Amino acid sequence: IIALSTLSQLGMMMFSISLGLYELAFFHL
């Protein structure tokens, strides 16, 4: 469950990168 949660948040970071929000993706990391 926690590993899948990590996968979900990695998706969130990639979503941020796809919008060009690189600094926000790093902040969320």
mmCIF file of all heavy atoms, coordinates in Angstrom:
data_MODEL
# 
_entry.id   MODEL 
# 
loop_
_atom_site.group_PDB 
_atom_site.id 
_atom_site.type_symbol 
_atom_site.label_atom_id 
_atom_site.label_alt_id 
_atom_site.label_comp_id 
_atom_site.label_asym_id 
_atom_site.label_entity_id 
_atom_site.label_seq_id 
_atom_site.pdbx_PDB_ins_code 
_atom_site.Cartn_x 
_atom_site.Cartn_y 
_atom_site.Cartn_z 
_atom_site.occupancy 
_atom_site.B_iso_or_equiv 
_atom_site.pdbx_formal_charge 
_atom_site.auth_seq_id 
_atom_site.auth_comp_id 
_atom_site.auth_asym_id 
_atom_site.auth_atom_id 
_atom_site.pdbx_PDB_model_num 
ATOM 1   N N   . ILE A 1 1  ? 0.838  -1.205 0.000   1.00 0.00 ? 1  ILE A N   1 
ATOM 2   C CA  . ILE A 1 1  ? 0.000  0.000  0.000   1.00 0.00 ? 1  ILE A CA  1 
ATOM 3   C C   . ILE A 1 1  ? 0.871  1.251  0.000   1.00 0.00 ? 1  ILE A C   1 
ATOM 4   O O   . ILE A 1 1  ? 0.635  2.198  -0.765  1.00 0.00 ? 1  ILE A O   1 
ATOM 5   C CB  . ILE A 1 1  ? -0.946 0.000  1.215   1.00 0.00 ? 1  ILE A CB  1 
ATOM 6   C CG1 . ILE A 1 1  ? -1.971 -1.134 1.104   1.00 0.00 ? 1  ILE A CG1 1 
ATOM 7   C CG2 . ILE A 1 1  ? -1.664 1.343  1.345   1.00 0.00 ? 1  ILE A CG2 1 
ATOM 8   C CD1 . ILE A 1 1  ? -2.825 -1.321 2.322   1.00 0.00 ? 1  ILE A CD1 1 
ATOM 9   N N   . ILE A 1 2  ? 1.919  1.259  0.839   1.00 0.00 ? 2  ILE A N   1 
ATOM 10  C CA  . ILE A 1 2  ? 2.798  2.419  0.904   1.00 0.00 ? 2  ILE A CA  1 
ATOM 11  C C   . ILE A 1 2  ? 3.611  2.554  -0.381  1.00 0.00 ? 2  ILE A C   1 
ATOM 12  O O   . ILE A 1 2  ? 3.862  3.661  -0.868  1.00 0.00 ? 2  ILE A O   1 
ATOM 13  C CB  . ILE A 1 2  ? 3.713  2.332  2.145   1.00 0.00 ? 2  ILE A CB  1 
ATOM 14  C CG1 . ILE A 1 2  ? 2.858  2.273  3.417   1.00 0.00 ? 2  ILE A CG1 1 
ATOM 15  C CG2 . ILE A 1 2  ? 4.659  3.513  2.208   1.00 0.00 ? 2  ILE A CG2 1 
ATOM 16  C CD1 . ILE A 1 2  ? 3.648  2.092  4.683   1.00 0.00 ? 2  ILE A CD1 1 
ATOM 17  N N   . ALA A 1 3  ? 4.020  1.399  -0.974  1.00 0.00 ? 3  ALA A N   1 
ATOM 18  C CA  . ALA A 1 3  ? 4.757  1.440  -2.242  1.00 0.00 ? 3  ALA A CA  1 
ATOM 19  C C   . ALA A 1 3  ? 3.876  1.980  -3.367  1.00 0.00 ? 3  ALA A C   1 
ATOM 20  O O   . ALA A 1 3  ? 4.328  2.775  -4.200  1.00 0.00 ? 3  ALA A O   1 
ATOM 21  C CB  . ALA A 1 3  ? 5.276  0.049  -2.584  1.00 0.00 ? 3  ALA A CB  1 
ATOM 22  N N   . LEU A 1 4  ? 2.605  1.554  -3.391  1.00 0.00 ? 4  LEU A N   1 
ATOM 23  C CA  . LEU A 1 4  ? 1.671  2.074  -4.399  1.00 0.00 ? 4  LEU A CA  1 
ATOM 24  C C   . LEU A 1 4  ? 1.411  3.564  -4.194  1.00 0.00 ? 4  LEU A C   1 
ATOM 25  O O   . LEU A 1 4  ? 1.224  4.320  -5.156  1.00 0.00 ? 4  LEU A O   1 
ATOM 26  C CB  . LEU A 1 4  ? 0.359  1.289  -4.349  1.00 0.00 ? 4  LEU A CB  1 
ATOM 27  C CG  . LEU A 1 4  ? 0.424  -0.134 -4.903  1.00 0.00 ? 4  LEU A CG  1 
ATOM 28  C CD1 . LEU A 1 4  ? -0.787 -0.946 -4.440  1.00 0.00 ? 4  LEU A CD1 1 
ATOM 29  C CD2 . LEU A 1 4  ? 0.491  -0.117 -6.418  1.00 0.00 ? 4  LEU A CD2 1 
ATOM 30  N N   . SER A 1 5  ? 1.398  3.968  -2.933  1.00 0.00 ? 5  SER A N   1 
ATOM 31  C CA  . SER A 1 5  ? 1.265  5.388  -2.629  1.00 0.00 ? 5  SER A CA  1 
ATOM 32  C C   . SER A 1 5  ? 2.453  6.174  -3.180  1.00 0.00 ? 5  SER A C   1 
ATOM 33  O O   . SER A 1 5  ? 2.292  7.263  -3.727  1.00 0.00 ? 5  SER A O   1 
ATOM 34  C CB  . SER A 1 5  ? 1.157  5.566  -1.110  1.00 0.00 ? 5  SER A CB  1 
ATOM 35  O OG  . SER A 1 5  ? 1.437  6.881  -0.739  1.00 0.00 ? 5  SER A OG  1 
ATOM 36  N N   . THR A 1 6  ? 3.655  5.604  -3.052  1.00 0.00 ? 6  THR A N   1 
ATOM 37  C CA  . THR A 1 6  ? 4.849  6.241  -3.625  1.00 0.00 ? 6  THR A CA  1 
ATOM 38  C C   . THR A 1 6  ? 4.730  6.351  -5.131  1.00 0.00 ? 6  THR A C   1 
ATOM 39  O O   . THR A 1 6  ? 5.070  7.378  -5.729  1.00 0.00 ? 6  THR A O   1 
ATOM 40  C CB  . THR A 1 6  ? 6.105  5.428  -3.257  1.00 0.00 ? 6  THR A CB  1 
ATOM 41  O OG1 . THR A 1 6  ? 6.157  5.244  -1.840  1.00 0.00 ? 6  THR A OG1 1 
ATOM 42  C CG2 . THR A 1 6  ? 7.367  6.128  -3.714  1.00 0.00 ? 6  THR A CG2 1 
ATOM 43  N N   . LEU A 1 7  ? 4.236  5.280  -5.769  1.00 0.00 ? 7  LEU A N   1 
ATOM 44  C CA  . LEU A 1 7  ? 4.038  5.291  -7.219  1.00 0.00 ? 7  LEU A CA  1 
ATOM 45  C C   . LEU A 1 7  ? 3.058  6.398  -7.625  1.00 0.00 ? 7  LEU A C   1 
ATOM 46  O O   . LEU A 1 7  ? 3.261  7.091  -8.625  1.00 0.00 ? 7  LEU A O   1 
ATOM 47  C CB  . LEU A 1 7  ? 3.519  3.925  -7.676  1.00 0.00 ? 7  LEU A CB  1 
ATOM 48  C CG  . LEU A 1 7  ? 3.304  3.719  -9.173  1.00 0.00 ? 7  LEU A CG  1 
ATOM 49  C CD1 . LEU A 1 7  ? 4.617  3.868  -9.928  1.00 0.00 ? 7  LEU A CD1 1 
ATOM 50  C CD2 . LEU A 1 7  ? 2.704  2.350  -9.444  1.00 0.00 ? 7  LEU A CD2 1 
ATOM 51  N N   . SER A 1 8  ? 2.012  6.558  -6.832  1.00 0.00 ? 8  SER A N   1 
ATOM 52  C CA  . SER A 1 8  ? 1.027  7.608  -7.100  1.00 0.00 ? 8  SER A CA  1 
ATOM 53  C C   . SER A 1 8  ? 1.665  8.995  -7.023  1.00 0.00 ? 8  SER A C   1 
ATOM 54  O O   . SER A 1 8  ? 1.418  9.856  -7.874  1.00 0.00 ? 8  SER A O   1 
ATOM 55  C CB  . SER A 1 8  ? -0.118 7.487  -6.097  1.00 0.00 ? 8  SER A CB  1 
ATOM 56  O OG  . SER A 1 8  ? -1.017 8.553  -6.237  1.00 0.00 ? 8  SER A OG  1 
ATOM 57  N N   . GLN A 1 9  ? 2.497  9.205  -6.011  1.00 0.00 ? 9  GLN A N   1 
ATOM 58  C CA  . GLN A 1 9  ? 3.142  10.513 -5.863  1.00 0.00 ? 9  GLN A CA  1 
ATOM 59  C C   . GLN A 1 9  ? 4.194  10.760 -6.933  1.00 0.00 ? 9  GLN A C   1 
ATOM 60  O O   . GLN A 1 9  ? 4.415  11.897 -7.348  1.00 0.00 ? 9  GLN A O   1 
ATOM 61  C CB  . GLN A 1 9  ? 3.755  10.639 -4.461  1.00 0.00 ? 9  GLN A CB  1 
ATOM 62  C CG  . GLN A 1 9  ? 2.752  10.560 -3.329  1.00 0.00 ? 9  GLN A CG  1 
ATOM 63  C CD  . GLN A 1 9  ? 1.591  11.495 -3.532  1.00 0.00 ? 9  GLN A CD  1 
ATOM 64  O OE1 . GLN A 1 9  ? 1.752  12.697 -3.686  1.00 0.00 ? 9  GLN A OE1 1 
ATOM 65  N NE2 . GLN A 1 9  ? 0.375  10.948 -3.547  1.00 0.00 ? 9  GLN A NE2 1 
ATOM 66  N N   . LEU A 1 10 ? 4.853  9.685  -7.394  1.00 0.00 ? 10 LEU A N   1 
ATOM 67  C CA  . LEU A 1 10 ? 5.781  9.833  -8.530  1.00 0.00 ? 10 LEU A CA  1 
ATOM 68  C C   . LEU A 1 10 ? 5.006  10.271 -9.778  1.00 0.00 ? 10 LEU A C   1 
ATOM 69  O O   . LEU A 1 10 ? 5.493  11.082 -10.575 1.00 0.00 ? 10 LEU A O   1 
ATOM 70  C CB  . LEU A 1 10 ? 6.508  8.513  -8.794  1.00 0.00 ? 10 LEU A CB  1 
ATOM 71  C CG  . LEU A 1 10 ? 7.617  8.160  -7.808  1.00 0.00 ? 10 LEU A CG  1 
ATOM 72  C CD1 . LEU A 1 10 ? 8.114  6.752  -8.067  1.00 0.00 ? 10 LEU A CD1 1 
ATOM 73  C CD2 . LEU A 1 10 ? 8.777  9.134  -7.919  1.00 0.00 ? 10 LEU A CD2 1 
ATOM 74  N N   . GLY A 1 11 ? 3.790  9.714  -9.931  1.00 0.00 ? 11 GLY A N   1 
ATOM 75  C CA  . GLY A 1 11 ? 2.925  10.160 -11.021 1.00 0.00 ? 11 GLY A CA  1 
ATOM 76  C C   . GLY A 1 11 ? 2.594  11.636 -10.899 1.00 0.00 ? 11 GLY A C   1 
ATOM 77  O O   . GLY A 1 11 ? 2.541  12.364 -11.894 1.00 0.00 ? 11 GLY A O   1 
ATOM 78  N N   . MET A 1 12 ? 2.394  12.074 -9.647  1.00 0.00 ? 12 MET A N   1 
ATOM 79  C CA  . MET A 1 12 ? 2.107  13.493 -9.396  1.00 0.00 ? 12 MET A CA  1 
ATOM 80  C C   . MET A 1 12 ? 3.292  14.367 -9.815  1.00 0.00 ? 12 MET A C   1 
ATOM 81  O O   . MET A 1 12 ? 3.116  15.435 -10.415 1.00 0.00 ? 12 MET A O   1 
ATOM 82  C CB  . MET A 1 12 ? 1.821  13.684 -7.908  1.00 0.00 ? 12 MET A CB  1 
ATOM 83  C CG  . MET A 1 12 ? 1.298  15.043 -7.535  1.00 0.00 ? 12 MET A CG  1 
ATOM 84  S SD  . MET A 1 12 ? -0.464 15.156 -7.895  1.00 0.00 ? 12 MET A SD  1 
ATOM 85  C CE  . MET A 1 12 ? -0.868 16.744 -7.200  1.00 0.00 ? 12 MET A CE  1 
ATOM 86  N N   . MET A 1 13 ? 4.511  13.908 -9.524  1.00 0.00 ? 13 MET A N   1 
ATOM 87  C CA  . MET A 1 13 ? 5.706  14.671 -9.909  1.00 0.00 ? 13 MET A CA  1 
ATOM 88  C C   . MET A 1 13 ? 5.848  14.718 -11.431 1.00 0.00 ? 13 MET A C   1 
ATOM 89  O O   . MET A 1 13 ? 6.183  15.761 -12.005 1.00 0.00 ? 13 MET A O   1 
ATOM 90  C CB  . MET A 1 13 ? 6.955  14.044 -9.274  1.00 0.00 ? 13 MET A CB  1 
ATOM 91  C CG  . MET A 1 13 ? 7.002  14.121 -7.763  1.00 0.00 ? 13 MET A CG  1 
ATOM 92  S SD  . MET A 1 13 ? 8.319  13.095 -7.111  1.00 0.00 ? 13 MET A SD  1 
ATOM 93  C CE  . MET A 1 13 ? 7.673  12.650 -5.511  1.00 0.00 ? 13 MET A CE  1 
ATOM 94  N N   . MET A 1 14 ? 5.617  13.576 -12.091 1.00 0.00 ? 14 MET A N   1 
ATOM 95  C CA  . MET A 1 14 ? 5.696  13.549 -13.552 1.00 0.00 ? 14 MET A CA  1 
ATOM 96  C C   . MET A 1 14 ? 4.597  14.430 -14.181 1.00 0.00 ? 14 MET A C   1 
ATOM 97  O O   . MET A 1 14 ? 4.808  15.070 -15.207 1.00 0.00 ? 14 MET A O   1 
ATOM 98  C CB  . MET A 1 14 ? 5.547  12.112 -14.060 1.00 0.00 ? 14 MET A CB  1 
ATOM 99  C CG  . MET A 1 14 ? 6.699  11.193 -13.710 1.00 0.00 ? 14 MET A CG  1 
ATOM 100 S SD  . MET A 1 14 ? 8.265  11.741 -14.407 1.00 0.00 ? 14 MET A SD  1 
ATOM 101 C CE  . MET A 1 14 ? 9.125  12.246 -12.926 1.00 0.00 ? 14 MET A CE  1 
ATOM 102 N N   . PHE A 1 15 ? 3.446  14.454 -13.541 1.00 0.00 ? 15 PHE A N   1 
ATOM 103 C CA  . PHE A 1 15 ? 2.350  15.331 -13.992 1.00 0.00 ? 15 PHE A CA  1 
ATOM 104 C C   . PHE A 1 15 ? 2.796  16.790 -13.927 1.00 0.00 ? 15 PHE A C   1 
ATOM 105 O O   . PHE A 1 15 ? 2.544  17.578 -14.852 1.00 0.00 ? 15 PHE A O   1 
ATOM 106 C CB  . PHE A 1 15 ? 1.125  15.088 -13.113 1.00 0.00 ? 15 PHE A CB  1 
ATOM 107 C CG  . PHE A 1 15 ? -0.035 15.999 -13.380 1.00 0.00 ? 15 PHE A CG  1 
ATOM 108 C CD1 . PHE A 1 15 ? -0.777 15.884 -14.548 1.00 0.00 ? 15 PHE A CD1 1 
ATOM 109 C CD2 . PHE A 1 15 ? -0.393 16.966 -12.455 1.00 0.00 ? 15 PHE A CD2 1 
ATOM 110 C CE1 . PHE A 1 15 ? -1.845 16.728 -14.800 1.00 0.00 ? 15 PHE A CE1 1 
ATOM 111 C CE2 . PHE A 1 15 ? -1.467 17.808 -12.691 1.00 0.00 ? 15 PHE A CE2 1 
ATOM 112 C CZ  . PHE A 1 15 ? -2.193 17.685 -13.874 1.00 0.00 ? 15 PHE A CZ  1 
ATOM 113 N N   . SER A 1 16 ? 3.473  17.136 -12.835 1.00 0.00 ? 16 SER A N   1 
ATOM 114 C CA  . SER A 1 16 ? 3.981  18.498 -12.687 1.00 0.00 ? 16 SER A CA  1 
ATOM 115 C C   . SER A 1 16 ? 5.021  18.821 -13.754 1.00 0.00 ? 16 SER A C   1 
ATOM 116 O O   . SER A 1 16 ? 5.015  19.913 -14.337 1.00 0.00 ? 16 SER A O   1 
ATOM 117 C CB  . SER A 1 16 ? 4.583  18.663 -11.288 1.00 0.00 ? 16 SER A CB  1 
ATOM 118 O OG  . SER A 1 16 ? 5.106  19.949 -11.102 1.00 0.00 ? 16 SER A OG  1 
ATOM 119 N N   . ILE A 1 17 ? 5.899  17.852 -14.031 1.00 0.00 ? 17 ILE A N   1 
ATOM 120 C CA  . ILE A 1 17 ? 6.930  18.062 -15.056 1.00 0.00 ? 17 ILE A CA  1 
ATOM 121 C C   . ILE A 1 17 ? 6.290  18.216 -16.437 1.00 0.00 ? 17 ILE A C   1 
ATOM 122 O O   . ILE A 1 17 ? 6.724  19.038 -17.255 1.00 0.00 ? 17 ILE A O   1 
ATOM 123 C CB  . ILE A 1 17 ? 7.935  16.892 -15.042 1.00 0.00 ? 17 ILE A CB  1 
ATOM 124 C CG1 . ILE A 1 17 ? 8.805  16.969 -13.779 1.00 0.00 ? 17 ILE A CG1 1 
ATOM 125 C CG2 . ILE A 1 17 ? 8.833  16.901 -16.281 1.00 0.00 ? 17 ILE A CG2 1 
ATOM 126 C CD1 . ILE A 1 17 ? 9.713  15.786 -13.584 1.00 0.00 ? 17 ILE A CD1 1 
ATOM 127 N N   . SER A 1 18 ? 5.230  17.426 -16.702 1.00 0.00 ? 18 SER A N   1 
ATOM 128 C CA  . SER A 1 18 ? 4.576  17.505 -18.018 1.00 0.00 ? 18 SER A CA  1 
ATOM 129 C C   . SER A 1 18 ? 3.945  18.872 -18.254 1.00 0.00 ? 18 SER A C   1 
ATOM 130 O O   . SER A 1 18 ? 3.754  19.279 -19.398 1.00 0.00 ? 18 SER A O   1 
ATOM 131 C CB  . SER A 1 18 ? 3.510  16.411 -18.140 1.00 0.00 ? 18 SER A CB  1 
ATOM 132 O OG  . SER A 1 18 ? 2.400  16.685 -17.305 1.00 0.00 ? 18 SER A OG  1 
ATOM 133 N N   . LEU A 1 19 ? 3.635  19.588 -17.174 1.00 0.00 ? 19 LEU A N   1 
ATOM 134 C CA  . LEU A 1 19 ? 3.085  20.944 -17.294 1.00 0.00 ? 19 LEU A CA  1 
ATOM 135 C C   . LEU A 1 19 ? 4.184  22.004 -17.310 1.00 0.00 ? 19 LEU A C   1 
ATOM 136 O O   . LEU A 1 19 ? 3.887  23.206 -17.370 1.00 0.00 ? 19 LEU A O   1 
ATOM 137 C CB  . LEU A 1 19 ? 2.116  21.225 -16.147 1.00 0.00 ? 19 LEU A CB  1 
ATOM 138 C CG  . LEU A 1 19 ? 0.868  20.345 -16.060 1.00 0.00 ? 19 LEU A CG  1 
ATOM 139 C CD1 . LEU A 1 19 ? 0.055  20.688 -14.837 1.00 0.00 ? 19 LEU A CD1 1 
ATOM 140 C CD2 . LEU A 1 19 ? 0.022  20.482 -17.317 1.00 0.00 ? 19 LEU A CD2 1 
ATOM 141 N N   . GLY A 1 20 ? 5.446  21.562 -17.212 1.00 0.00 ? 20 GLY A N   1 
ATOM 142 C CA  . GLY A 1 20 ? 6.564  22.498 -17.199 1.00 0.00 ? 20 GLY A CA  1 
ATOM 143 C C   . GLY A 1 20 ? 6.880  23.071 -15.838 1.00 0.00 ? 20 GLY A C   1 
ATOM 144 O O   . GLY A 1 20 ? 7.663  24.021 -15.722 1.00 0.00 ? 20 GLY A O   1 
ATOM 145 N N   . LEU A 1 21 ? 6.293  22.485 -14.777 1.00 0.00 ? 21 LEU A N   1 
ATOM 146 C CA  . LEU A 1 21 ? 6.515  22.987 -13.411 1.00 0.00 ? 21 LEU A CA  1 
ATOM 147 C C   . LEU A 1 21 ? 7.637  22.186 -12.740 1.00 0.00 ? 21 LEU A C   1 
ATOM 148 O O   . LEU A 1 21 ? 7.414  21.415 -11.809 1.00 0.00 ? 21 LEU A O   1 
ATOM 149 C CB  . LEU A 1 21 ? 5.215  22.882 -12.605 1.00 0.00 ? 21 LEU A CB  1 
ATOM 150 C CG  . LEU A 1 21 ? 3.982  23.537 -13.241 1.00 0.00 ? 21 LEU A CG  1 
ATOM 151 C CD1 . LEU A 1 21 ? 2.726  23.190 -12.473 1.00 0.00 ? 21 LEU A CD1 1 
ATOM 152 C CD2 . LEU A 1 21 ? 4.164  25.053 -13.319 1.00 0.00 ? 21 LEU A CD2 1 
ATOM 153 N N   . TYR A 1 22 ? 8.862  22.383 -13.217 1.00 0.00 ? 22 TYR A N   1 
ATOM 154 C CA  . TYR A 1 22 ? 9.982  21.555 -12.755 1.00 0.00 ? 22 TYR A CA  1 
ATOM 155 C C   . TYR A 1 22 ? 10.328 21.840 -11.295 1.00 0.00 ? 22 TYR A C   1 
ATOM 156 O O   . TYR A 1 22 ? 10.622 20.928 -10.523 1.00 0.00 ? 22 TYR A O   1 
ATOM 157 C CB  . TYR A 1 22 ? 11.202 21.799 -13.646 1.00 0.00 ? 22 TYR A CB  1 
ATOM 158 C CG  . TYR A 1 22 ? 10.917 21.670 -15.128 1.00 0.00 ? 22 TYR A CG  1 
ATOM 159 C CD1 . TYR A 1 22 ? 10.911 22.796 -15.953 1.00 0.00 ? 22 TYR A CD1 1 
ATOM 160 C CD2 . TYR A 1 22 ? 10.631 20.431 -15.684 1.00 0.00 ? 22 TYR A CD2 1 
ATOM 161 C CE1 . TYR A 1 22 ? 10.627 22.682 -17.309 1.00 0.00 ? 22 TYR A CE1 1 
ATOM 162 C CE2 . TYR A 1 22 ? 10.352 20.305 -17.035 1.00 0.00 ? 22 TYR A CE2 1 
ATOM 163 C CZ  . TYR A 1 22 ? 10.346 21.432 -17.840 1.00 0.00 ? 22 TYR A CZ  1 
ATOM 164 O OH  . TYR A 1 22 ? 10.051 21.313 -19.171 1.00 0.00 ? 22 TYR A OH  1 
ATOM 165 N N   . GLU A 1 23 ? 10.309 23.118 -10.919 1.00 0.00 ? 23 GLU A N   1 
ATOM 166 C CA  . GLU A 1 23 ? 10.661 23.459 -9.532  1.00 0.00 ? 23 GLU A CA  1 
ATOM 167 C C   . GLU A 1 23 ? 9.643  22.874 -8.549  1.00 0.00 ? 23 GLU A C   1 
ATOM 168 O O   . GLU A 1 23 ? 10.010 22.416 -7.467  1.00 0.00 ? 23 GLU A O   1 
ATOM 169 C CB  . GLU A 1 23 ? 10.724 24.987 -9.358  1.00 0.00 ? 23 GLU A CB  1 
ATOM 170 C CG  . GLU A 1 23 ? 11.810 25.671 -10.151 1.00 0.00 ? 23 GLU A CG  1 
ATOM 171 C CD  . GLU A 1 23 ? 11.342 26.052 -11.550 1.00 0.00 ? 23 GLU A CD  1 
ATOM 172 O OE1 . GLU A 1 23 ? 10.197 25.684 -11.902 1.00 0.00 ? 23 GLU A OE1 1 
ATOM 173 O OE2 . GLU A 1 23 ? 12.111 26.697 -12.282 1.00 0.00 ? 23 GLU A OE2 1 
ATOM 174 N N   . LEU A 1 24 ? 8.370  22.903 -8.943  1.00 0.00 ? 24 LEU A N   1 
ATOM 175 C CA  . LEU A 1 24 ? 7.334  22.336 -8.074  1.00 0.00 ? 24 LEU A CA  1 
ATOM 176 C C   . LEU A 1 24 ? 7.488  20.828 -7.932  1.00 0.00 ? 24 LEU A C   1 
ATOM 177 O O   . LEU A 1 24 ? 7.241  20.265 -6.865  1.00 0.00 ? 24 LEU A O   1 
ATOM 178 C CB  . LEU A 1 24 ? 5.949  22.669 -8.627  1.00 0.00 ? 24 LEU A CB  1 
ATOM 179 C CG  . LEU A 1 24 ? 5.337  23.992 -8.180  1.00 0.00 ? 24 LEU A CG  1 
ATOM 180 C CD1 . LEU A 1 24 ? 3.950  24.147 -8.758  1.00 0.00 ? 24 LEU A CD1 1 
ATOM 181 C CD2 . LEU A 1 24 ? 5.285  24.071 -6.674  1.00 0.00 ? 24 LEU A CD2 1 
ATOM 182 N N   . ALA A 1 25 ? 7.874  20.157 -9.027  1.00 0.00 ? 25 ALA A N   1 
ATOM 183 C CA  . ALA A 1 25 ? 8.089  18.710 -8.968  1.00 0.00 ? 25 ALA A CA  1 
ATOM 184 C C   . ALA A 1 25 ? 9.214  18.388 -7.986  1.00 0.00 ? 25 ALA A C   1 
ATOM 185 O O   . ALA A 1 25 ? 9.112  17.449 -7.189  1.00 0.00 ? 25 ALA A O   1 
ATOM 186 C CB  . ALA A 1 25 ? 8.423  18.161 -10.362 1.00 0.00 ? 25 ALA A CB  1 
ATOM 187 N N   . PHE A 1 26 ? 10.279 19.175 -8.012  1.00 0.00 ? 26 PHE A N   1 
ATOM 188 C CA  . PHE A 1 26 ? 11.399 18.964 -7.083  1.00 0.00 ? 26 PHE A CA  1 
ATOM 189 C C   . PHE A 1 26 ? 10.975 19.274 -5.648  1.00 0.00 ? 26 PHE A C   1 
ATOM 190 O O   . PHE A 1 26 ? 11.338 18.554 -4.711  1.00 0.00 ? 26 PHE A O   1 
ATOM 191 C CB  . PHE A 1 26 ? 12.577 19.849 -7.491  1.00 0.00 ? 26 PHE A CB  1 
ATOM 192 C CG  . PHE A 1 26 ? 13.793 19.668 -6.622  1.00 0.00 ? 26 PHE A CG  1 
ATOM 193 C CD1 . PHE A 1 26 ? 14.475 18.462 -6.596  1.00 0.00 ? 26 PHE A CD1 1 
ATOM 194 C CD2 . PHE A 1 26 ? 14.243 20.703 -5.828  1.00 0.00 ? 26 PHE A CD2 1 
ATOM 195 C CE1 . PHE A 1 26 ? 15.593 18.294 -5.790  1.00 0.00 ? 26 PHE A CE1 1 
ATOM 196 C CE2 . PHE A 1 26 ? 15.345 20.551 -5.016  1.00 0.00 ? 26 PHE A CE2 1 
ATOM 197 C CZ  . PHE A 1 26 ? 16.040 19.336 -4.999  1.00 0.00 ? 26 PHE A CZ  1 
ATOM 198 N N   . PHE A 1 27 ? 10.184 20.316 -5.487  1.00 0.00 ? 27 PHE A N   1 
ATOM 199 C CA  . PHE A 1 27 ? 9.657  20.677 -4.163  1.00 0.00 ? 27 PHE A CA  1 
ATOM 200 C C   . PHE A 1 27 ? 8.815  19.530 -3.599  1.00 0.00 ? 27 PHE A C   1 
ATOM 201 O O   . PHE A 1 27 ? 8.953  19.150 -2.431  1.00 0.00 ? 27 PHE A O   1 
ATOM 202 C CB  . PHE A 1 27 ? 8.843  21.970 -4.295  1.00 0.00 ? 27 PHE A CB  1 
ATOM 203 C CG  . PHE A 1 27 ? 8.198  22.439 -3.023  1.00 0.00 ? 27 PHE A CG  1 
ATOM 204 C CD1 . PHE A 1 27 ? 8.802  22.235 -1.791  1.00 0.00 ? 27 PHE A CD1 1 
ATOM 205 C CD2 . PHE A 1 27 ? 6.979  23.112 -3.064  1.00 0.00 ? 27 PHE A CD2 1 
ATOM 206 C CE1 . PHE A 1 27 ? 8.200  22.677 -0.620  1.00 0.00 ? 27 PHE A CE1 1 
ATOM 207 C CE2 . PHE A 1 27 ? 6.380  23.548 -1.903  1.00 0.00 ? 27 PHE A CE2 1 
ATOM 208 C CZ  . PHE A 1 27 ? 6.987  23.340 -0.684  1.00 0.00 ? 27 PHE A CZ  1 
ATOM 209 N N   . HIS A 1 28 ? 7.954  18.956 -4.436  1.00 0.00 ? 28 HIS A N   1 
ATOM 210 C CA  . HIS A 1 28 ? 7.123  17.831 -3.984  1.00 0.00 ? 28 HIS A CA  1 
ATOM 211 C C   . HIS A 1 28 ? 7.979  16.602 -3.696  1.00 0.00 ? 28 HIS A C   1 
ATOM 212 O O   . HIS A 1 28 ? 7.684  15.828 -2.784  1.00 0.00 ? 28 HIS A O   1 
ATOM 213 C CB  . HIS A 1 28 ? 6.057  17.507 -5.033  1.00 0.00 ? 28 HIS A CB  1 
ATOM 214 C CG  . HIS A 1 28 ? 5.034  16.527 -4.562  1.00 0.00 ? 28 HIS A CG  1 
ATOM 215 N ND1 . HIS A 1 28 ? 4.296  16.709 -3.400  1.00 0.00 ? 28 HIS A ND1 1 
ATOM 216 C CD2 . HIS A 1 28 ? 4.610  15.332 -5.064  1.00 0.00 ? 28 HIS A CD2 1 
ATOM 217 C CE1 . HIS A 1 28 ? 3.480  15.678 -3.221  1.00 0.00 ? 28 HIS A CE1 1 
ATOM 218 N NE2 . HIS A 1 28 ? 3.657  14.837 -4.209  1.00 0.00 ? 28 HIS A NE2 1 
ATOM 219 N N   . LEU A 1 29 ? 9.044  16.423 -4.460  1.00 0.00 ? 29 LEU A N   1 
ATOM 220 C CA  . LEU A 1 29 ? 9.976  15.309 -4.205  1.00 0.00 ? 29 LEU A CA  1 
ATOM 221 C C   . LEU A 1 29 ? 10.575 15.416 -2.811  1.00 0.00 ? 29 LEU A C   1 
ATOM 222 O O   . LEU A 1 29 ? 10.674 14.420 -2.079  1.00 0.00 ? 29 LEU A O   1 
ATOM 223 C CB  . LEU A 1 29 ? 11.075 15.319 -5.267  1.00 0.00 ? 29 LEU A CB  1 
ATOM 224 C CG  . LEU A 1 29 ? 12.232 14.319 -5.087  1.00 0.00 ? 29 LEU A CG  1 
ATOM 225 C CD1 . LEU A 1 29 ? 11.738 12.900 -5.344  1.00 0.00 ? 29 LEU A CD1 1 
ATOM 226 C CD2 . LEU A 1 29 ? 13.380 14.642 -6.020  1.00 0.00 ? 29 LEU A CD2 1 
# 
